[in-house]
Amino acid sequence: MSGHADSKRAIFLALGANFAIFIAKLVAAIFTGSGAMLAEAVHSLADCGNQGLLLLGMRQAKRPPSSEYPLGWGRALYFWSFLVAILLFSVGGMFSVYEGVHKLTDPEPLRWPWLAVGVLAFSIVTEGVSMHGCMQEVNKAREGRPLWQWFRETRASELLVIFGEDLAALLGLSFALIAVLLTMLTGNLIFDAIGTIAIGVLLIVVAVAVAREVKALLIGQGVEPKQRAAMVAFLEARPEIDHVYNLLTLQMGTDVMVAIKARMAQTPTARAMVEAINIVEADFKAEFKDVRWSFFEPDHTD
């Protein structure tokens, strides 16, 4: 599903980066008495909460199946990932656009601009470290595919969300730094307002893109196309199978459910055919270790 990527490592890197940025902004707010900087500190603390929700989702996804949840809790991760995307859209994007419009209609002079530049520079470096760690895991998962193709095909919703968050944060901080520097150089407060609006639009675009991909997982996507092709090839190469009619897959968090319909090779007895199916299923699960449930239907027609 996601190569050998360690999504939890990427989440903890993002959590550490956001918490460090929160501390930097909080210290700046205390020393300057700036309400805007305090609001930014709260925003960074909210970002830490987003990572906490993803970790909660990963923990819930590991709950074992029960009579009430026979296929387990794997898809709970998609719910929490979707919720983080919604929070990124509303708390991050919409609030930034509102703040930018407010600055346009009621501009306020920058206070302690060099401190703001210092905090932003520190935040960019810290967020860059997080993004670097995230990209290491993404590169493991995409296995040579173009980044956009991985974004559209991945079934690792938590890694997708962290990538989107880190990318939006890094670009947003860069926009903010440019806006503050232009405001300092020109004395024109419109640059600060436009920069804030641009950050909001960026967050909204990223949040919508992430939410669109996670929504597909919530509805019920199969495995990645490359993995499905490998599964079909594995089954078609088995001597016990004459023809594969259909292969249905369903991604359930880190686990996968498959349903196979195939024409079996001729066997002397029905018991021998059942034993052949059991061998195929065992070898199939050994080859594709994320397959947790498999259902095999032998048939002679599609």
Protein backbone atom coordinates (compact mmCIF):
# COMPACT_ATOMS: atom_id res chain seq x y z
CA MET A 1 0.00 0.00 0.00
CA SER A 2 2.63 2.56 0.99
CA GLY A 3 5.93 0.82 0.44
CA HIS A 4 7.95 0.77 3.64
CA ALA A 5 7.04 4.32 4.66
CA ASP A 6 6.87 5.10 8.38
CA SER A 7 3.88 7.43 8.67
CA LYS A 8 4.22 7.69 12.44
CA ARG A 9 7.75 9.10 12.09
CA ALA A 10 6.46 11.81 9.74
CA ILE A 11 3.66 12.67 12.18
CA PHE A 12 6.02 12.97 15.16
CA LEU A 13 8.40 15.17 13.14
CA ALA A 14 5.50 17.47 12.24
CA LEU A 15 4.31 17.46 15.86
CA GLY A 16 7.78 18.40 17.12
CA ALA A 17 8.15 21.15 14.53
CA ASN A 18 4.74 22.66 15.28
CA PHE A 19 5.36 22.57 19.02
CA ALA A 20 8.75 24.29 18.63
CA ILE A 21 7.10 26.97 16.45
CA PHE A 22 4.34 27.35 19.06
CA ILE A 23 6.93 27.99 21.79
CA ALA A 24 8.78 30.53 19.62
CA LYS A 25 5.58 32.44 18.85
CA LEU A 26 4.41 32.28 22.47
CA VAL A 27 7.72 33.71 23.75
CA ALA A 28 7.53 36.49 21.15
CA ALA A 29 3.93 37.23 22.16
CA ILE A 30 4.87 37.44 25.87
CA PHE A 31 7.81 39.79 25.27
CA THR A 32 5.98 42.08 22.81
CA GLY A 33 2.45 41.87 24.16
CA SER A 34 1.29 41.32 20.57
CA GLY A 35 -2.19 39.87 20.30
CA ALA A 36 -1.55 38.89 16.67
CA MET A 37 1.52 36.88 17.64
CA LEU A 38 -0.45 35.22 20.45
CA ALA A 39 -3.12 34.28 17.91
CA GLU A 40 -0.39 32.78 15.72
CA ALA A 41 0.86 30.79 18.71
CA VAL A 42 -2.62 29.40 19.28
CA HIS A 43 -2.78 28.52 15.57
CA SER A 44 0.45 26.51 15.85
CA LEU A 45 -0.90 24.79 18.96
CA ALA A 46 -4.00 23.83 16.94
CA ASP A 47 -1.69 22.30 14.34
CA CYS A 48 -0.23 20.14 17.11
CA GLY A 49 -3.78 19.04 17.83
CA ASN A 50 -4.15 17.93 14.22
CA GLN A 51 -1.17 15.61 14.57
CA GLY A 52 -2.70 14.33 17.81
CA LEU A 53 -5.89 13.44 15.93
CA LEU A 54 -3.89 11.49 13.34
CA LEU A 55 -2.09 9.56 16.08
CA LEU A 56 -5.48 8.85 17.69
CA GLY A 57 -6.73 7.55 14.34
CA MET A 58 -3.71 5.28 13.93
CA ARG A 59 -4.28 3.89 17.43
CA GLN A 60 -7.99 3.28 16.82
CA ALA A 61 -7.24 1.59 13.49
CA LYS A 62 -5.34 -1.13 15.36
CA ARG A 63 -8.39 -2.25 17.35
CA PRO A 64 -9.15 -5.92 16.64
CA PRO A 65 -12.29 -7.05 14.80
CA SER A 66 -15.36 -7.87 16.88
CA SER A 67 -18.89 -9.12 16.28
CA GLU A 68 -20.01 -5.50 15.95
CA TYR A 69 -17.06 -4.50 13.74
CA PRO A 70 -16.20 -7.73 11.88
CA LEU A 71 -13.75 -5.97 9.53
CA GLY A 72 -12.00 -4.08 12.31
CA TRP A 73 -11.43 -0.37 12.81
CA GLY A 74 -8.94 0.25 10.02
CA ARG A 75 -11.07 2.86 8.25
CA ALA A 76 -11.30 4.97 11.43
CA LEU A 77 -8.00 6.47 10.27
CA TYR A 78 -9.79 7.93 7.24
CA PHE A 79 -12.35 9.67 9.45
CA TRP A 80 -9.68 11.40 11.53
CA SER A 81 -7.67 12.29 8.41
CA PHE A 82 -10.78 13.85 6.85
CA LEU A 83 -11.47 15.77 10.05
CA VAL A 84 -7.92 17.19 10.00
CA ALA A 85 -8.46 18.30 6.39
CA ILE A 86 -11.68 20.07 7.40
CA LEU A 87 -9.90 21.80 10.30
CA LEU A 88 -7.11 22.87 7.95
CA PHE A 89 -9.77 24.36 5.66
CA SER A 90 -11.79 26.13 8.35
CA VAL A 91 -9.43 27.04 11.19
CA GLY A 92 -6.47 27.61 8.91
CA GLY A 93 -7.69 28.72 5.50
CA MET A 94 -10.94 30.55 6.16
CA PHE A 95 -9.59 32.32 9.24
CA SER A 96 -6.51 33.54 7.34
CA VAL A 97 -8.67 34.89 4.50
CA TYR A 98 -10.90 36.66 7.06
CA GLU A 99 -7.85 38.11 8.82
CA GLY A 100 -6.42 39.31 5.50
CA VAL A 101 -9.66 41.02 4.48
CA HIS A 102 -9.83 42.64 7.92
CA LYS A 103 -6.29 44.00 7.44
CA LEU A 104 -7.32 45.45 4.08
CA THR A 105 -10.33 47.28 5.54
CA ASP A 106 -8.72 48.22 8.86
CA PRO A 107 -4.92 48.16 8.49
CA GLU A 108 -2.74 48.18 11.58
CA PRO A 109 0.99 49.05 11.63
CA LEU A 110 3.46 46.21 12.15
CA ARG A 111 4.80 45.99 15.68
CA TRP A 112 8.24 44.56 16.35
CA PRO A 113 8.74 43.63 12.67
CA TRP A 114 12.27 42.27 13.14
CA LEU A 115 11.04 39.92 15.84
CA ALA A 116 8.35 38.72 13.42
CA VAL A 117 11.05 38.13 10.80
CA GLY A 118 13.14 36.16 13.31
CA VAL A 119 10.20 33.99 14.37
CA LEU A 120 9.21 33.36 10.74
CA ALA A 121 12.79 32.45 9.77
CA PHE A 122 13.04 30.04 12.70
CA SER A 123 9.66 28.57 11.75
CA ILE A 124 10.72 28.05 8.13
CA VAL A 125 13.87 26.20 9.18
CA THR A 126 11.95 24.06 11.68
CA GLU A 127 9.16 23.30 9.22
CA GLY A 128 11.79 22.52 6.58
CA VAL A 129 13.24 19.82 8.83
CA SER A 130 9.76 18.33 9.22
CA MET A 131 9.13 18.50 5.47
CA HIS A 132 12.47 16.80 4.77
CA GLY A 133 11.54 13.93 7.08
CA CYS A 134 8.08 13.68 5.53
CA MET A 135 9.54 13.57 2.01
CA GLN A 136 11.86 10.74 3.04
CA GLU A 137 8.81 8.66 3.94
CA VAL A 138 6.87 9.80 0.86
CA ASN A 139 9.77 8.81 -1.40
CA LYS A 140 9.74 5.33 0.14
CA ALA A 141 6.01 5.06 -0.51
CA ARG A 142 5.88 6.41 -4.06
CA GLU A 143 8.55 3.99 -5.33
CA GLY A 144 9.69 6.12 -8.25
CA ARG A 145 6.27 7.45 -9.21
CA PRO A 146 5.82 11.18 -9.87
CA LEU A 147 4.76 13.03 -6.72
CA TRP A 148 1.36 13.98 -8.14
CA GLN A 149 0.66 10.38 -9.14
CA TRP A 150 1.52 9.20 -5.63
CA PHE A 151 -0.77 11.91 -4.19
CA ARG A 152 -3.68 10.63 -6.29
CA GLU A 153 -3.02 6.91 -5.80
CA THR A 154 -1.79 6.54 -2.22
CA ARG A 155 -3.98 4.80 0.33
CA ALA A 156 -1.94 6.05 3.32
CA SER A 157 -4.28 8.87 4.36
CA GLU A 158 -2.20 9.90 7.39
CA LEU A 159 0.96 10.37 5.28
CA LEU A 160 -1.09 12.23 2.68
CA VAL A 161 -2.40 14.65 5.32
CA ILE A 162 1.03 15.26 6.86
CA PHE A 163 2.50 15.93 3.41
CA GLY A 164 -0.27 18.41 2.65
CA GLU A 165 0.07 20.11 6.03
CA ASP A 166 3.87 20.41 5.82
CA LEU A 167 3.76 21.69 2.24
CA ALA A 168 1.10 24.28 3.07
CA ALA A 169 2.92 25.36 6.25
CA LEU A 170 6.28 25.77 4.51
CA LEU A 171 4.85 27.73 1.60
CA GLY A 172 2.61 29.76 3.93
CA LEU A 173 5.52 30.75 6.17
CA SER A 174 7.50 31.77 3.08
CA PHE A 175 4.58 33.91 1.90
CA ALA A 176 4.37 35.50 5.35
CA LEU A 177 8.09 36.29 5.45
CA ILE A 178 7.99 37.88 1.99
CA ALA A 179 4.91 39.90 2.95
CA VAL A 180 6.50 41.19 6.17
CA LEU A 181 9.75 42.12 4.42
CA LEU A 182 7.90 43.96 1.63
CA THR A 183 5.83 45.81 4.22
CA MET A 184 8.99 46.83 6.10
CA LEU A 185 10.75 47.98 2.90
CA THR A 186 7.84 49.94 1.43
CA GLY A 187 5.85 50.91 4.50
CA ASN A 188 2.74 49.81 2.60
CA LEU A 189 0.51 47.63 4.80
CA ILE A 190 -1.31 46.18 1.81
CA PHE A 191 1.50 43.65 1.33
CA ASP A 192 0.85 42.20 4.79
CA ALA A 193 -2.87 41.90 4.04
CA ILE A 194 -2.33 40.34 0.61
CA GLY A 195 0.18 37.90 2.10
CA THR A 196 -2.34 36.81 4.73
CA ILE A 197 -5.05 36.28 2.10
CA ALA A 198 -2.61 34.31 -0.08
CA ILE A 199 -1.81 32.05 2.88
CA GLY A 200 -5.51 31.47 3.44
CA VAL A 201 -6.14 30.60 -0.21
CA LEU A 202 -3.16 28.24 -0.17
CA LEU A 203 -4.45 26.43 2.93
CA ILE A 204 -7.93 26.11 1.39
CA VAL A 205 -6.58 24.66 -1.87
CA VAL A 206 -4.40 22.12 -0.03
CA ALA A 207 -7.22 21.19 2.37
CA VAL A 208 -9.70 20.63 -0.47
CA ALA A 209 -7.17 18.51 -2.40
CA VAL A 210 -6.41 16.38 0.66
CA ALA A 211 -10.09 16.07 1.62
CA ARG A 212 -10.94 14.94 -1.92
CA GLU A 213 -8.47 12.06 -1.73
CA VAL A 214 -9.47 11.01 1.79
CA LYS A 215 -13.16 11.16 0.83
CA ALA A 216 -12.50 8.48 -1.80
CA LEU A 217 -11.01 6.25 0.91
CA LEU A 218 -14.01 6.87 3.17
CA ILE A 219 -16.37 5.83 0.37
CA GLY A 220 -14.35 2.66 -0.23
CA GLN A 221 -11.32 2.52 -2.53
CA GLY A 222 -9.50 -0.61 -3.53
CA VAL A 223 -5.73 -1.06 -3.32
CA GLU A 224 -3.36 1.04 -5.41
CA PRO A 225 -3.46 0.17 -9.15
CA LYS A 226 0.11 -1.13 -9.12
CA GLN A 227 -0.65 -3.50 -6.25
CA ARG A 228 -3.87 -4.74 -7.84
CA ALA A 229 -2.01 -5.53 -11.06
CA ALA A 230 0.56 -7.50 -9.05
CA MET A 231 -2.23 -9.44 -7.33
CA VAL A 232 -3.88 -10.36 -10.63
CA ALA A 233 -0.52 -11.41 -12.10
CA PHE A 234 0.15 -13.60 -9.05
CA LEU A 235 -3.20 -15.37 -9.37
CA GLU A 236 -2.92 -15.86 -13.14
CA ALA A 237 0.49 -17.48 -12.68
CA ARG A 238 -0.84 -20.10 -10.27
CA PRO A 239 -1.13 -23.62 -11.76
CA GLU A 240 -4.22 -24.24 -9.60
CA ILE A 241 -6.12 -21.49 -11.48
CA ASP A 242 -7.19 -21.66 -15.12
CA HIS A 243 -8.65 -18.18 -15.36
CA VAL A 244 -9.23 -15.17 -13.07
CA TYR A 245 -12.66 -13.68 -13.70
CA ASN A 246 -12.53 -10.87 -11.20
CA LEU A 247 -10.59 -9.49 -8.25
CA LEU A 248 -12.28 -7.06 -5.87
CA THR A 249 -10.19 -5.25 -3.25
CA LEU A 250 -11.05 -2.89 -0.43
CA GLN A 251 -8.53 -0.84 1.52
CA MET A 252 -9.26 -0.95 5.25
CA GLY A 253 -6.62 1.35 6.71
CA THR A 254 -3.38 -0.63 6.69
CA ASP A 255 -5.28 -3.88 6.01
CA VAL A 256 -6.85 -5.13 2.79
CA MET A 257 -9.88 -7.28 2.00
CA VAL A 258 -9.97 -9.22 -1.29
CA ALA A 259 -12.64 -11.23 -3.10
CA ILE A 260 -11.51 -13.53 -5.91
CA LYS A 261 -13.65 -15.18 -8.57
CA ALA A 262 -11.78 -17.71 -10.70
CA ARG A 263 -12.07 -20.92 -12.69
CA MET A 264 -9.99 -23.60 -11.01
CA ALA A 265 -7.90 -26.17 -12.82
CA GLN A 266 -9.47 -29.63 -13.10
CA THR A 267 -9.26 -31.67 -9.88
CA PRO A 268 -10.33 -35.26 -9.25
CA THR A 269 -12.60 -34.35 -6.31
CA ALA A 270 -14.31 -31.37 -4.75
CA ARG A 271 -12.12 -31.83 -1.68
CA ALA A 272 -9.00 -31.51 -3.83
CA MET A 273 -10.33 -28.26 -5.28
CA VAL A 274 -10.95 -26.87 -1.78
CA GLU A 275 -7.41 -27.80 -0.77
CA ALA A 276 -6.06 -26.09 -3.90
CA ILE A 277 -8.02 -22.92 -3.02
CA ASN A 278 -6.64 -23.01 0.53
CA ILE A 279 -3.08 -23.27 -0.81
CA VAL A 280 -3.61 -20.34 -3.19
CA GLU A 281 -5.09 -18.19 -0.41
CA ALA A 282 -2.24 -19.01 2.00
CA ASP A 283 0.41 -18.20 -0.60
CA PHE A 284 -1.50 -15.06 -1.64
CA LYS A 285 -1.48 -13.74 1.94
CA ALA A 286 2.19 -14.63 2.31
CA GLU A 287 2.99 -12.63 -0.84
CA PHE A 288 0.73 -9.67 0.01
CA LYS A 289 1.12 -9.31 3.75
CA ASP A 290 -1.41 -6.49 4.14
CA VAL A 291 -4.23 -8.82 3.00
CA ARG A 292 -6.15 -9.72 6.15
CA TRP A 293 -9.41 -11.06 4.70
CA SER A 294 -9.80 -13.11 1.52
CA PHE A 295 -12.92 -14.63 -0.02
CA PHE A 296 -12.54 -17.09 -2.91
CA GLU A 297 -15.39 -18.03 -5.25
CA PRO A 298 -14.66 -20.88 -7.70
CA ASP A 299 -16.84 -20.73 -10.81
CA HIS A 300 -16.92 -21.77 -14.45
CA THR A 301 -18.35 -18.55 -15.85
CA ASP A 302 -18.07 -14.83 -15.13
